[in-house]
Amino acid sequence: MNIILDDSLAKEQLYPFTATRHVADIRIGILTIREKWALLDANNFIYEDEGAITIPATIIPTTTNVHAIFTALATGKEVKNEEEIKFILQPWNIFQLNGWALQKDFELITAGRKSEPISTTNKTISPENIFLEEGAIVEHSIINASTGPVYIGKNAEVMEGCMVRGPFALCENATLKMGSKIYGATTIGPNCTAAGEIKNSILFANSNKGHDGYLGDSVIGEWCNLGAGTTNSNLKNNAGNVTVWSNKTKSYIPAGLKCGLLMGDYSRAAINTSFNTGTVVGVCCNIFGESFPPKLVTDFTWGKEKYIFEKALKDIDNWKQLKGSNISSTEKEILKELYNQ
């Protein structure tokens, strides 16, 4: 059976993260939605209709819900958002559901496998909930997995003096710098560098929050960089509901009591940038200046001006070269179309 992951009804709704990617390539938990389907080997589930089946890309598949999803769709029933079946319907759902998704991915990835040894230099709580992949380095740190699992990916490193409270994932080739303070539910994606205080946040891949400063209830896309001392607010001073820009409704809508920074791909913030609650930063923005950035920073913003497109591409390529990569022709085409909009 072939699976079609359909994001046509959600692409505008999940801006800024879907401006440059399919919904299925959003990372939540440890894996992207596409990676979850691949690991679940869903093509091996056979029903009477062996043709292609269309699945909303917003569904988060797990070992415990995939059969229910397939059964409902194969029999023409609607798949509903409920206790065991979760959807990403708004961008802030990514951090709101991250703890649940981390637990499900941890079970999926580690089932029937044995963790690499945990160094005795560390202080651990509930070590049975800690899993280290091959090449992972963790020394002289405190890891509390009683509040949720802790997953350290292949060739990832937790430097000395870190304090980690699960659920937490440090994905392949990622680095957690010395003395970091991590609260669950947090995911540091592949090839990311993280430091400072982080709580209930996701860095997709290849992004940096490499210095002190607070990041909470936030989602950071790919190839982003937060300068030293950059901090976000995640709770209003009056403890009221946070409103966040919706690209679908072209208005601010409620996101709950807590929401920090939602930053699209290729965006960067200067040192000591302070983001207000519920700030949305678009794709390829270079944020600097003396005052708070606005709650909506539109695509290709450079300070208070619009980025020159060729300069934007050059700057992206410079950042990618720092991690041994280059901007691709496909990326250029996607960004050109977005720029012209």
C-alpha atoms as a PDB file:
ATOM      1  CA  MET A   1       0.000   0.000   0.000  1.00  0.00           C
ATOM      2  CA  ASN A   2       1.342   3.428  -0.924  1.00  0.00           C
ATOM      3  CA  ILE A   3       0.879   6.332   1.464  1.00  0.00           C
ATOM      4  CA  ILE A   4       0.217   9.893   0.341  1.00  0.00           C
ATOM      5  CA  LEU A   5       0.834  12.444   3.094  1.00  0.00           C
ATOM      6  CA  ASP A   6      -1.466  15.340   2.233  1.00  0.00           C
ATOM      7  CA  ASP A   7      -0.663  18.803   3.592  1.00  0.00           C
ATOM      8  CA  SER A   8      -2.900  20.831   1.268  1.00  0.00           C
ATOM      9  CA  LEU A   9      -5.324  21.852   4.028  1.00  0.00           C
ATOM     10  CA  ALA A  10      -2.676  22.819   6.581  1.00  0.00           C
ATOM     11  CA  LYS A  11       0.179  24.471   4.705  1.00  0.00           C
ATOM     12  CA  GLU A  12      -0.957  28.062   5.253  1.00  0.00           C
ATOM     13  CA  GLN A  13      -2.038  27.314   8.800  1.00  0.00           C
ATOM     14  CA  LEU A  14       1.410  26.116   9.933  1.00  0.00           C
ATOM     15  CA  TYR A  15       3.378  29.135   8.712  1.00  0.00           C
ATOM     16  CA  PRO A  16       6.291  29.949   9.053  1.00  0.00           C
ATOM     17  CA  PHE A  17       7.479  26.330   9.125  1.00  0.00           C
ATOM     18  CA  THR A  18       5.590  25.225   6.015  1.00  0.00           C
ATOM     19  CA  ALA A  19       6.728  28.159   3.891  1.00  0.00           C
ATOM     20  CA  THR A  20       9.833  26.123   3.067  1.00  0.00           C
ATOM     21  CA  ARG A  21       8.852  22.500   3.782  1.00  0.00           C
ATOM     22  CA  HIS A  22       6.108  19.904   3.572  1.00  0.00           C
ATOM     23  CA  VAL A  23       4.179  19.382   6.815  1.00  0.00           C
ATOM     24  CA  ALA A  24       5.604  15.847   6.927  1.00  0.00           C
ATOM     25  CA  ASP A  25       9.101  17.302   7.373  1.00  0.00           C
ATOM     26  CA  ILE A  26       8.233  19.058  10.632  1.00  0.00           C
ATOM     27  CA  ARG A  27      10.198  17.656  13.567  1.00  0.00           C
ATOM     28  CA  ILE A  28       8.216  16.872  16.687  1.00  0.00           C
ATOM     29  CA  GLY A  29       9.500  14.537  19.376  1.00  0.00           C
ATOM     30  CA  ILE A  30      12.731  13.009  18.081  1.00  0.00           C
ATOM     31  CA  LEU A  31      11.808  12.431  14.435  1.00  0.00           C
ATOM     32  CA  THR A  32      10.042  14.257  11.644  1.00  0.00           C
ATOM     33  CA  ILE A  33       6.552  13.052  10.743  1.00  0.00           C
ATOM     34  CA  ARG A  34       7.938  11.539   7.530  1.00  0.00           C
ATOM     35  CA  GLU A  35      10.652   9.689   9.488  1.00  0.00           C
ATOM     36  CA  LYS A  36       8.051   8.306  11.900  1.00  0.00           C
ATOM     37  CA  TRP A  37       6.024   6.801   9.041  1.00  0.00           C
ATOM     38  CA  ALA A  38       9.186   5.287   7.541  1.00  0.00           C
ATOM     39  CA  LEU A  39      10.207   3.665  10.840  1.00  0.00           C
ATOM     40  CA  LEU A  40       6.718   2.339  11.437  1.00  0.00           C
ATOM     41  CA  ASP A  41       7.037   0.629   8.048  1.00  0.00           C
ATOM     42  CA  ALA A  42       3.422   1.457   7.390  1.00  0.00           C
ATOM     43  CA  ASN A  43       3.566   0.049   3.855  1.00  0.00           C
ATOM     44  CA  ASN A  44       3.483  -3.417   5.393  1.00  0.00           C
ATOM     45  CA  PHE A  45       0.008  -2.912   6.840  1.00  0.00           C
ATOM     46  CA  ILE A  46      -2.261  -4.599   4.298  1.00  0.00           C
ATOM     47  CA  TYR A  47      -5.973  -3.991   3.888  1.00  0.00           C
ATOM     48  CA  GLU A  48      -8.464  -5.161   1.283  1.00  0.00           C
ATOM     49  CA  ASP A  49      -7.829  -2.024  -0.754  1.00  0.00           C
ATOM     50  CA  GLU A  50      -4.147  -2.238  -1.650  1.00  0.00           C
ATOM     51  CA  GLY A  51      -4.120   1.032  -3.590  1.00  0.00           C
ATOM     52  CA  ALA A  52      -2.777   4.345  -2.366  1.00  0.00           C
ATOM     53  CA  ILE A  53      -4.233   5.755   0.821  1.00  0.00           C
ATOM     54  CA  THR A  54      -4.208   9.483   1.569  1.00  0.00           C
ATOM     55  CA  ILE A  55      -3.360  10.487   5.129  1.00  0.00           C
ATOM     56  CA  PRO A  56      -3.418  14.029   6.536  1.00  0.00           C
ATOM     57  CA  ALA A  57       0.242  14.969   7.030  1.00  0.00           C
ATOM     58  CA  THR A  58      -0.739  16.722  10.249  1.00  0.00           C
ATOM     59  CA  ILE A  59      -1.317  13.387  12.050  1.00  0.00           C
ATOM     60  CA  ILE A  60       1.506  12.302  14.370  1.00  0.00           C
ATOM     61  CA  PRO A  61       1.838   8.510  13.890  1.00  0.00           C
ATOM     62  CA  THR A  62       2.927   6.221  16.738  1.00  0.00           C
ATOM     63  CA  THR A  63       3.190   2.487  17.355  1.00  0.00           C
ATOM     64  CA  THR A  64      -0.022   2.647  19.386  1.00  0.00           C
ATOM     65  CA  ASN A  65      -2.195   4.608  16.952  1.00  0.00           C
ATOM     66  CA  VAL A  66      -1.084   3.627  13.450  1.00  0.00           C
ATOM     67  CA  HIS A  67      -3.489   0.670  13.175  1.00  0.00           C
ATOM     68  CA  ALA A  68      -6.423   2.845  14.270  1.00  0.00           C
ATOM     69  CA  ILE A  69      -5.453   5.486  11.695  1.00  0.00           C
ATOM     70  CA  PHE A  70      -5.270   2.951   8.863  1.00  0.00           C
ATOM     71  CA  THR A  71      -8.459   1.178   9.865  1.00  0.00           C
ATOM     72  CA  ALA A  72     -10.424   4.425   9.987  1.00  0.00           C
ATOM     73  CA  LEU A  73      -9.135   5.678   6.640  1.00  0.00           C
ATOM     74  CA  ALA A  74      -9.514   2.324   4.916  1.00  0.00           C
ATOM     75  CA  THR A  75     -13.164   2.161   5.968  1.00  0.00           C
ATOM     76  CA  GLY A  76     -13.900   5.762   5.032  1.00  0.00           C
ATOM     77  CA  LYS A  77     -14.181   7.064   8.587  1.00  0.00           C
ATOM     78  CA  GLU A  78     -12.864  10.401   9.782  1.00  0.00           C
ATOM     79  CA  VAL A  79      -9.705  10.297  11.902  1.00  0.00           C
ATOM     80  CA  LYS A  80     -10.338  12.519  14.911  1.00  0.00           C
ATOM     81  CA  ASN A  81      -7.967  14.395  17.212  1.00  0.00           C
ATOM     82  CA  GLU A  82      -8.189  12.455  20.484  1.00  0.00           C
ATOM     83  CA  GLU A  83      -6.132  10.998  23.330  1.00  0.00           C
ATOM     84  CA  GLU A  84      -4.072   8.569  21.235  1.00  0.00           C
ATOM     85  CA  ILE A  85      -4.243  10.371  17.882  1.00  0.00           C
ATOM     86  CA  LYS A  86      -2.768  13.859  17.823  1.00  0.00           C
ATOM     87  CA  PHE A  87      -2.711  16.436  15.032  1.00  0.00           C
ATOM     88  CA  ILE A  88      -0.503  19.481  14.471  1.00  0.00           C
ATOM     89  CA  LEU A  89      -3.189  22.042  13.710  1.00  0.00           C
ATOM     90  CA  GLN A  90      -1.322  25.224  14.691  1.00  0.00           C
ATOM     91  CA  PRO A  91       2.437  25.965  14.842  1.00  0.00           C
ATOM     92  CA  TRP A  92       2.389  26.190  18.650  1.00  0.00           C
ATOM     93  CA  ASN A  93       1.044  22.617  18.793  1.00  0.00           C
ATOM     94  CA  ILE A  94       4.596  21.557  17.915  1.00  0.00           C
ATOM     95  CA  PHE A  95       5.910  22.500  21.362  1.00  0.00           C
ATOM     96  CA  GLN A  96       2.622  21.758  23.127  1.00  0.00           C
ATOM     97  CA  LEU A  97       2.690  18.123  21.938  1.00  0.00           C
ATOM     98  CA  ASN A  98       6.448  17.649  22.049  1.00  0.00           C
ATOM     99  CA  GLY A  99       6.536  15.829  25.399  1.00  0.00           C
ATOM    100  CA  TRP A 100       3.933  13.291  24.218  1.00  0.00           C
ATOM    101  CA  ALA A 101       5.753  12.844  20.895  1.00  0.00           C
ATOM    102  CA  LEU A 102       9.135  12.432  22.614  1.00  0.00           C
ATOM    103  CA  GLN A 103       7.790   9.574  24.719  1.00  0.00           C
ATOM    104  CA  LYS A 104       6.260   7.854  21.668  1.00  0.00           C
ATOM    105  CA  ASP A 105       9.403   8.259  19.533  1.00  0.00           C
ATOM    106  CA  PHE A 106      11.622   7.020  22.355  1.00  0.00           C
ATOM    107  CA  GLU A 107       9.543   3.833  22.559  1.00  0.00           C
ATOM    108  CA  LEU A 108       9.649   3.416  18.771  1.00  0.00           C
ATOM    109  CA  ILE A 109      13.401   3.989  18.372  1.00  0.00           C
ATOM    110  CA  THR A 110      14.659   2.038  21.387  1.00  0.00           C
ATOM    111  CA  ALA A 111      12.329  -0.991  21.313  1.00  0.00           C
ATOM    112  CA  GLY A 112      14.384  -4.175  21.551  1.00  0.00           C
ATOM    113  CA  ARG A 113      17.676  -2.274  21.598  1.00  0.00           C
ATOM    114  CA  LYS A 114      20.321  -1.683  24.240  1.00  0.00           C
ATOM    115  CA  SER A 115      21.778   1.717  25.090  1.00  0.00           C
ATOM    116  CA  GLU A 116      25.488   2.409  24.928  1.00  0.00           C
ATOM    117  CA  PRO A 117      26.988   2.542  28.456  1.00  0.00           C
ATOM    118  CA  ILE A 118      26.427   5.736  30.462  1.00  0.00           C
ATOM    119  CA  SER A 119      29.704   7.065  31.855  1.00  0.00           C
ATOM    120  CA  THR A 120      30.074   6.835  35.633  1.00  0.00           C
ATOM    121  CA  THR A 121      31.169  10.491  35.708  1.00  0.00           C
ATOM    122  CA  ASN A 122      27.480  11.426  35.365  1.00  0.00           C
ATOM    123  CA  LYS A 123      24.802  11.643  38.043  1.00  0.00           C
ATOM    124  CA  THR A 124      21.632   9.973  36.756  1.00  0.00           C
ATOM    125  CA  ILE A 125      18.079   9.488  37.982  1.00  0.00           C
ATOM    126  CA  SER A 126      16.077   6.657  36.362  1.00  0.00           C
ATOM    127  CA  PRO A 127      18.939   5.571  34.078  1.00  0.00           C
ATOM    128  CA  GLU A 128      16.653   2.928  32.547  1.00  0.00           C
ATOM    129  CA  ASN A 129      14.949   5.824  30.718  1.00  0.00           C
ATOM    130  CA  ILE A 130      18.208   7.103  29.215  1.00  0.00           C
ATOM    131  CA  PHE A 131      19.359   5.870  25.792  1.00  0.00           C
ATOM    132  CA  LEU A 132      22.697   6.675  24.169  1.00  0.00           C
ATOM    133  CA  GLU A 133      23.346   5.875  20.531  1.00  0.00           C
ATOM    134  CA  GLU A 134      26.743   4.811  19.184  1.00  0.00           C
ATOM    135  CA  GLY A 135      29.335   7.581  19.416  1.00  0.00           C
ATOM    136  CA  ALA A 136      27.334   9.681  21.897  1.00  0.00           C
ATOM    137  CA  ILE A 137      29.459  11.475  24.517  1.00  0.00           C
ATOM    138  CA  VAL A 138      28.037  12.453  27.919  1.00  0.00           C
ATOM    139  CA  GLU A 139      30.414  13.305  30.769  1.00  0.00           C
ATOM    140  CA  HIS A 140      30.174  15.013  34.188  1.00  0.00           C
ATOM    141  CA  SER A 141      26.508  15.986  33.808  1.00  0.00           C
ATOM    142  CA  ILE A 142      23.257  15.514  35.738  1.00  0.00           C
ATOM    143  CA  ILE A 143      20.478  13.707  33.897  1.00  0.00           C
ATOM    144  CA  ASN A 144      17.035  13.250  35.450  1.00  0.00           C
ATOM    145  CA  ALA A 145      14.956  10.850  33.361  1.00  0.00           C
ATOM    146  CA  SER A 146      12.286  10.289  36.017  1.00  0.00           C
ATOM    147  CA  THR A 147      10.168  13.006  34.403  1.00  0.00           C
ATOM    148  CA  GLY A 148      10.535  11.611  30.879  1.00  0.00           C
ATOM    149  CA  PRO A 149      12.975   9.740  28.649  1.00  0.00           C
ATOM    150  CA  VAL A 150      16.330  11.165  27.573  1.00  0.00           C
ATOM    151  CA  TYR A 151      17.649  10.259  24.123  1.00  0.00           C
ATOM    152  CA  ILE A 152      21.194  11.129  22.991  1.00  0.00           C
ATOM    153  CA  GLY A 153      21.676  10.548  19.270  1.00  0.00           C
ATOM    154  CA  LYS A 154      24.578   9.168  17.289  1.00  0.00           C
ATOM    155  CA  ASN A 155      27.783  11.209  17.690  1.00  0.00           C
ATOM    156  CA  ALA A 156      25.971  13.828  19.782  1.00  0.00           C
ATOM    157  CA  GLU A 157      27.744  15.386  22.760  1.00  0.00           C
ATOM    158  CA  VAL A 158      26.589  16.642  26.154  1.00  0.00           C
ATOM    159  CA  MET A 159      29.502  18.687  27.491  1.00  0.00           C
ATOM    160  CA  GLU A 160      30.509  18.883  31.134  1.00  0.00           C
ATOM    161  CA  GLY A 161      28.284  20.471  33.744  1.00  0.00           C
ATOM    162  CA  CYS A 162      24.955  20.210  31.922  1.00  0.00           C
ATOM    163  CA  MET A 163      21.723  19.702  33.842  1.00  0.00           C
ATOM    164  CA  VAL A 164      19.064  17.852  31.871  1.00  0.00           C
ATOM    165  CA  ARG A 165      15.511  17.006  32.913  1.00  0.00           C
ATOM    166  CA  GLY A 166      13.532  14.804  30.529  1.00  0.00           C
ATOM    167  CA  PRO A 167      11.799  14.351  28.271  1.00  0.00           C
ATOM    168  CA  PHE A 168      14.717  15.433  26.095  1.00  0.00           C
ATOM    169  CA  ALA A 169      16.305  14.521  22.774  1.00  0.00           C
ATOM    170  CA  LEU A 170      19.717  15.570  21.505  1.00  0.00           C
ATOM    171  CA  CYS A 171      19.703  14.312  17.941  1.00  0.00           C
ATOM    172  CA  GLU A 172      22.514  13.072  15.719  1.00  0.00           C
ATOM    173  CA  ASN A 173      25.693  15.197  15.660  1.00  0.00           C
ATOM    174  CA  ALA A 174      24.136  17.851  17.920  1.00  0.00           C
ATOM    175  CA  THR A 175      26.003  19.512  20.794  1.00  0.00           C
ATOM    176  CA  LEU A 176      24.838  20.705  24.197  1.00  0.00           C
ATOM    177  CA  LYS A 177      27.460  23.142  25.483  1.00  0.00           C
ATOM    178  CA  MET A 178      28.923  23.315  28.994  1.00  0.00           C
ATOM    179  CA  GLY A 179      26.656  24.256  31.872  1.00  0.00           C
ATOM    180  CA  SER A 180      23.410  24.205  29.912  1.00  0.00           C
ATOM    181  CA  LYS A 181      20.108  23.943  31.798  1.00  0.00           C
ATOM    182  CA  ILE A 182      17.502  21.915  29.935  1.00  0.00           C
ATOM    183  CA  TYR A 183      13.893  21.404  30.994  1.00  0.00           C
ATOM    184  CA  GLY A 184      11.546  19.015  29.202  1.00  0.00           C
ATOM    185  CA  ALA A 185      10.033  18.731  26.770  1.00  0.00           C
ATOM    186  CA  THR A 186      12.928  19.831  24.569  1.00  0.00           C
ATOM    187  CA  THR A 187      14.322  18.584  21.262  1.00  0.00           C
ATOM    188  CA  ILE A 188      17.662  19.708  19.851  1.00  0.00           C
ATOM    189  CA  GLY A 189      17.647  18.544  16.232  1.00  0.00           C
ATOM    190  CA  PRO A 190      20.467  17.084  14.122  1.00  0.00           C
ATOM    191  CA  ASN A 191      23.631  19.184  13.800  1.00  0.00           C
ATOM    192  CA  CYS A 192      22.318  21.858  16.179  1.00  0.00           C
ATOM    193  CA  THR A 193      24.299  23.616  18.894  1.00  0.00           C
ATOM    194  CA  ALA A 194      22.473  24.554  22.097  1.00  0.00           C
ATOM    195  CA  ALA A 195      23.365  26.297  25.353  1.00  0.00           C
ATOM    196  CA  GLY A 196      21.906  28.416  28.154  1.00  0.00           C
ATOM    197  CA  GLU A 197      18.431  27.754  29.541  1.00  0.00           C
ATOM    198  CA  ILE A 198      15.946  25.946  27.302  1.00  0.00           C
ATOM    199  CA  LYS A 199      12.478  24.705  28.179  1.00  0.00           C
ATOM    200  CA  ASN A 200       9.799  22.933  26.115  1.00  0.00           C
ATOM    201  CA  SER A 201      11.310  23.977  22.788  1.00  0.00           C
ATOM    202  CA  ILE A 202      12.328  22.414  19.475  1.00  0.00           C
ATOM    203  CA  LEU A 203      15.225  23.266  17.176  1.00  0.00           C
ATOM    204  CA  PHE A 204      14.542  21.487  13.873  1.00  0.00           C
ATOM    205  CA  ALA A 205      18.078  20.960  12.459  1.00  0.00           C
ATOM    206  CA  ASN A 206      21.350  22.788  11.730  1.00  0.00           C
ATOM    207  CA  SER A 207      20.431  25.722  13.987  1.00  0.00           C
ATOM    208  CA  ASN A 208      22.328  27.406  16.822  1.00  0.00           C
ATOM    209  CA  LYS A 209      21.389  28.721  20.219  1.00  0.00           C
ATOM    210  CA  GLY A 210      24.990  28.535  21.308  1.00  0.00           C
ATOM    211  CA  HIS A 211      25.116  30.925  24.276  1.00  0.00           C
ATOM    212  CA  ASP A 212      23.346  32.006  27.453  1.00  0.00           C
ATOM    213  CA  GLY A 213      19.809  33.331  27.247  1.00  0.00           C
ATOM    214  CA  TYR A 214      16.346  31.808  27.682  1.00  0.00           C
ATOM    215  CA  LEU A 215      14.359  29.925  25.053  1.00  0.00           C
ATOM    216  CA  GLY A 216      10.987  28.650  26.217  1.00  0.00           C
ATOM    217  CA  ASP A 217       7.820  27.254  24.597  1.00  0.00           C
ATOM    218  CA  SER A 218       9.342  27.959  21.212  1.00  0.00           C
ATOM    219  CA  VAL A 219      10.024  26.404  17.811  1.00  0.00           C
ATOM    220  CA  ILE A 220      13.103  27.284  15.773  1.00  0.00           C
ATOM    221  CA  GLY A 221      13.372  26.190  12.140  1.00  0.00           C
ATOM    222  CA  GLU A 222      16.453  25.055  10.214  1.00  0.00           C
ATOM    223  CA  TRP A 223      19.644  27.055   9.619  1.00  0.00           C
ATOM    224  CA  CYS A 224      18.751  29.665  12.252  1.00  0.00           C
ATOM    225  CA  ASN A 225      21.083  31.421  14.700  1.00  0.00           C
ATOM    226  CA  LEU A 226      20.255  33.149  17.987  1.00  0.00           C
ATOM    227  CA  GLY A 227      22.996  35.558  19.063  1.00  0.00           C
ATOM    228  CA  ALA A 228      24.521  35.531  22.552  1.00  0.00           C
ATOM    229  CA  GLY A 229      22.092  36.658  25.262  1.00  0.00           C
ATOM    230  CA  THR A 230      19.014  36.340  23.050  1.00  0.00           C
ATOM    231  CA  THR A 231      15.926  35.674  25.183  1.00  0.00           C
ATOM    232  CA  ASN A 232      12.211  35.267  24.646  1.00  0.00           C
ATOM    233  CA  SER A 233       9.185  35.844  26.853  1.00  0.00           C
ATOM    234  CA  ASN A 234       6.734  32.956  26.946  1.00  0.00           C
ATOM    235  CA  LEU A 235       4.212  34.308  29.474  1.00  0.00           C
ATOM    236  CA  LYS A 236       2.441  37.675  29.490  1.00  0.00           C
ATOM    237  CA  ASN A 237       2.880  39.942  32.531  1.00  0.00           C
ATOM    238  CA  ASN A 238      -0.872  39.745  33.189  1.00  0.00           C
ATOM    239  CA  ALA A 239      -0.853  35.924  32.810  1.00  0.00           C
ATOM    240  CA  GLY A 240      -3.447  36.279  30.051  1.00  0.00           C
ATOM    241  CA  ASN A 241      -3.854  34.381  26.813  1.00  0.00           C
ATOM    242  CA  VAL A 242      -1.087  34.874  24.256  1.00  0.00           C
ATOM    243  CA  THR A 243      -2.215  35.832  20.766  1.00  0.00           C
ATOM    244  CA  VAL A 244      -0.134  34.772  17.760  1.00  0.00           C
ATOM    245  CA  TRP A 245      -0.261  35.821  14.114  1.00  0.00           C
ATOM    246  CA  SER A 246      -2.092  33.355  11.881  1.00  0.00           C
ATOM    247  CA  ASN A 247      -1.094  33.504   8.235  1.00  0.00           C
ATOM    248  CA  LYS A 248      -4.312  31.723   7.300  1.00  0.00           C
ATOM    249  CA  THR A 249      -6.735  34.141   8.962  1.00  0.00           C
ATOM    250  CA  LYS A 250      -4.440  37.189   8.615  1.00  0.00           C
ATOM    251  CA  SER A 251      -5.147  38.020  12.239  1.00  0.00           C
ATOM    252  CA  TYR A 252      -3.888  37.332  15.769  1.00  0.00           C
ATOM    253  CA  ILE A 253      -5.531  34.328  17.394  1.00  0.00           C
ATOM    254  CA  PRO A 254      -5.284  32.802  20.912  1.00  0.00           C
ATOM    255  CA  ALA A 255      -2.512  30.234  21.462  1.00  0.00           C
ATOM    256  CA  GLY A 256      -2.971  29.550  25.177  1.00  0.00           C
ATOM    257  CA  LEU A 257      -1.222  30.841  28.289  1.00  0.00           C
ATOM    258  CA  LYS A 258       2.295  30.184  27.025  1.00  0.00           C
ATOM    259  CA  CYS A 259       3.931  30.754  23.661  1.00  0.00           C
ATOM    260  CA  GLY A 260       7.410  32.051  22.989  1.00  0.00           C
ATOM    261  CA  LEU A 261       9.191  32.403  19.637  1.00  0.00           C
ATOM    262  CA  LEU A 262       8.175  30.765  16.336  1.00  0.00           C
ATOM    263  CA  MET A 263      11.071  31.317  13.913  1.00  0.00           C
ATOM    264  CA  GLY A 264      11.129  30.251  10.267  1.00  0.00           C
ATOM    265  CA  ASP A 265      14.105  28.797   8.420  1.00  0.00           C
ATOM    266  CA  TYR A 266      17.300  30.760   7.685  1.00  0.00           C
ATOM    267  CA  SER A 267      16.512  33.523  10.191  1.00  0.00           C
ATOM    268  CA  ARG A 268      19.005  35.061  12.636  1.00  0.00           C
ATOM    269  CA  ALA A 269      18.904  37.361  15.652  1.00  0.00           C
ATOM    270  CA  ALA A 270      21.671  39.679  16.857  1.00  0.00           C
ATOM    271  CA  ILE A 271      23.180  39.473  20.350  1.00  0.00           C
ATOM    272  CA  ASN A 272      20.876  40.360  23.245  1.00  0.00           C
ATOM    273  CA  THR A 273      17.732  40.328  21.120  1.00  0.00           C
ATOM    274  CA  SER A 274      14.577  40.207  23.269  1.00  0.00           C
ATOM    275  CA  PHE A 275      11.467  38.623  21.769  1.00  0.00           C
ATOM    276  CA  ASN A 276       7.991  39.265  23.170  1.00  0.00           C
ATOM    277  CA  THR A 277       5.480  36.502  23.890  1.00  0.00           C
ATOM    278  CA  GLY A 278       4.031  34.908  20.769  1.00  0.00           C
ATOM    279  CA  THR A 279       6.472  36.408  18.269  1.00  0.00           C
ATOM    280  CA  VAL A 280       6.432  34.990  14.735  1.00  0.00           C
ATOM    281  CA  VAL A 281       9.570  35.448  12.641  1.00  0.00           C
ATOM    282  CA  GLY A 282       9.295  34.566   8.975  1.00  0.00           C
ATOM    283  CA  VAL A 283      11.801  33.002   6.620  1.00  0.00           C
ATOM    284  CA  CYS A 284      15.261  34.484   6.068  1.00  0.00           C
ATOM    285  CA  CYS A 285      15.135  37.407   8.475  1.00  0.00           C
ATOM    286  CA  ASN A 286      18.145  39.229   9.925  1.00  0.00           C
ATOM    287  CA  ILE A 287      16.964  40.777  13.182  1.00  0.00           C
ATOM    288  CA  PHE A 288      18.877  43.592  14.838  1.00  0.00           C
ATOM    289  CA  GLY A 289      18.134  46.977  16.404  1.00  0.00           C
ATOM    290  CA  GLU A 290      17.690  48.711  19.734  1.00  0.00           C
ATOM    291  CA  SER A 291      14.039  47.914  20.461  1.00  0.00           C
ATOM    292  CA  PHE A 292      11.933  44.757  20.748  1.00  0.00           C
ATOM    293  CA  PRO A 293      11.263  43.180  17.342  1.00  0.00           C
ATOM    294  CA  PRO A 294       7.587  43.372  16.351  1.00  0.00           C
ATOM    295  CA  LYS A 295       5.377  40.379  17.100  1.00  0.00           C
ATOM    296  CA  LEU A 296       5.314  39.614  13.371  1.00  0.00           C
ATOM    297  CA  VAL A 297       8.564  39.856  11.422  1.00  0.00           C
ATOM    298  CA  THR A 298       7.733  39.205   7.784  1.00  0.00           C
ATOM    299  CA  ASP A 299       9.806  37.075   5.394  1.00  0.00           C
ATOM    300  CA  PHE A 300      13.094  38.565   4.147  1.00  0.00           C
ATOM    301  CA  THR A 301      13.285  41.347   6.723  1.00  0.00           C
ATOM    302  CA  TRP A 302      16.762  42.879   7.201  1.00  0.00           C
ATOM    303  CA  GLY A 303      16.650  45.178  10.243  1.00  0.00           C
ATOM    304  CA  LYS A 304      13.761  47.434   9.264  1.00  0.00           C
ATOM    305  CA  GLU A 305      14.247  47.004   5.523  1.00  0.00           C
ATOM    306  CA  LYS A 306      13.697  44.259   2.978  1.00  0.00           C
ATOM    307  CA  TYR A 307      16.567  41.914   2.269  1.00  0.00           C
ATOM    308  CA  ILE A 308      18.144  42.212  -1.177  1.00  0.00           C
ATOM    309  CA  PHE A 309      17.523  38.722  -2.540  1.00  0.00           C
ATOM    310  CA  GLU A 310      21.035  38.034  -3.797  1.00  0.00           C
ATOM    311  CA  LYS A 311      22.481  39.161  -0.452  1.00  0.00           C
ATOM    312  CA  ALA A 312      20.021  36.927   1.392  1.00  0.00           C
ATOM    313  CA  LEU A 313      21.184  33.899  -0.595  1.00  0.00           C
ATOM    314  CA  LYS A 314      24.836  34.784  -0.028  1.00  0.00           C
ATOM    315  CA  ASP A 315      24.298  35.117   3.730  1.00  0.00           C
ATOM    316  CA  ILE A 316      22.465  31.779   3.884  1.00  0.00           C
ATOM    317  CA  ASP A 317      25.299  30.110   2.001  1.00  0.00           C
ATOM    318  CA  ASN A 318      27.863  31.627   4.384  1.00  0.00           C
ATOM    319  CA  TRP A 319      26.019  30.158   7.368  1.00  0.00           C
ATOM    320  CA  LYS A 320      25.630  26.790   5.699  1.00  0.00           C
ATOM    321  CA  GLN A 321      29.354  26.658   4.962  1.00  0.00           C
ATOM    322  CA  LEU A 322      30.012  26.865   8.712  1.00  0.00           C
ATOM    323  CA  LYS A 323      28.439  23.398   8.955  1.00  0.00           C
ATOM    324  CA  GLY A 324      30.080  22.037   5.808  1.00  0.00           C
ATOM    325  CA  SER A 325      27.133  22.604   3.473  1.00  0.00           C
ATOM    326  CA  ASN A 326      26.014  24.914   0.669  1.00  0.00           C
ATOM    327  CA  ILE A 327      22.711  26.330  -0.456  1.00  0.00           C
ATOM    328  CA  SER A 328      21.124  24.073  -3.073  1.00  0.00           C
ATOM    329  CA  SER A 329      19.391  24.972  -6.331  1.00  0.00           C
ATOM    330  CA  THR A 330      16.124  23.633  -4.899  1.00  0.00           C
ATOM    331  CA  GLU A 331      16.420  25.932  -1.873  1.00  0.00           C
ATOM    332  CA  LYS A 332      17.083  28.881  -4.172  1.00  0.00           C
ATOM    333  CA  GLU A 333      13.967  28.129  -6.201  1.00  0.00           C
ATOM    334  CA  ILE A 334      11.781  27.841  -3.083  1.00  0.00           C
ATOM    335  CA  LEU A 335      13.178  31.081  -1.645  1.00  0.00           C
ATOM    336  CA  LYS A 336      12.818  32.945  -4.949  1.00  0.00           C
ATOM    337  CA  GLU A 337       9.140  31.998  -5.176  1.00  0.00           C
ATOM    338  CA  LEU A 338       8.587  33.055  -1.568  1.00  0.00           C
ATOM    339  CA  TYR A 339      10.464  36.341  -2.113  1.00  0.00           C
ATOM    340  CA  ASN A 340       8.352  37.204  -5.162  1.00  0.00           C
ATOM    341  CA  GLN A 341       5.146  36.687  -3.180  1.00  0.00           C
END
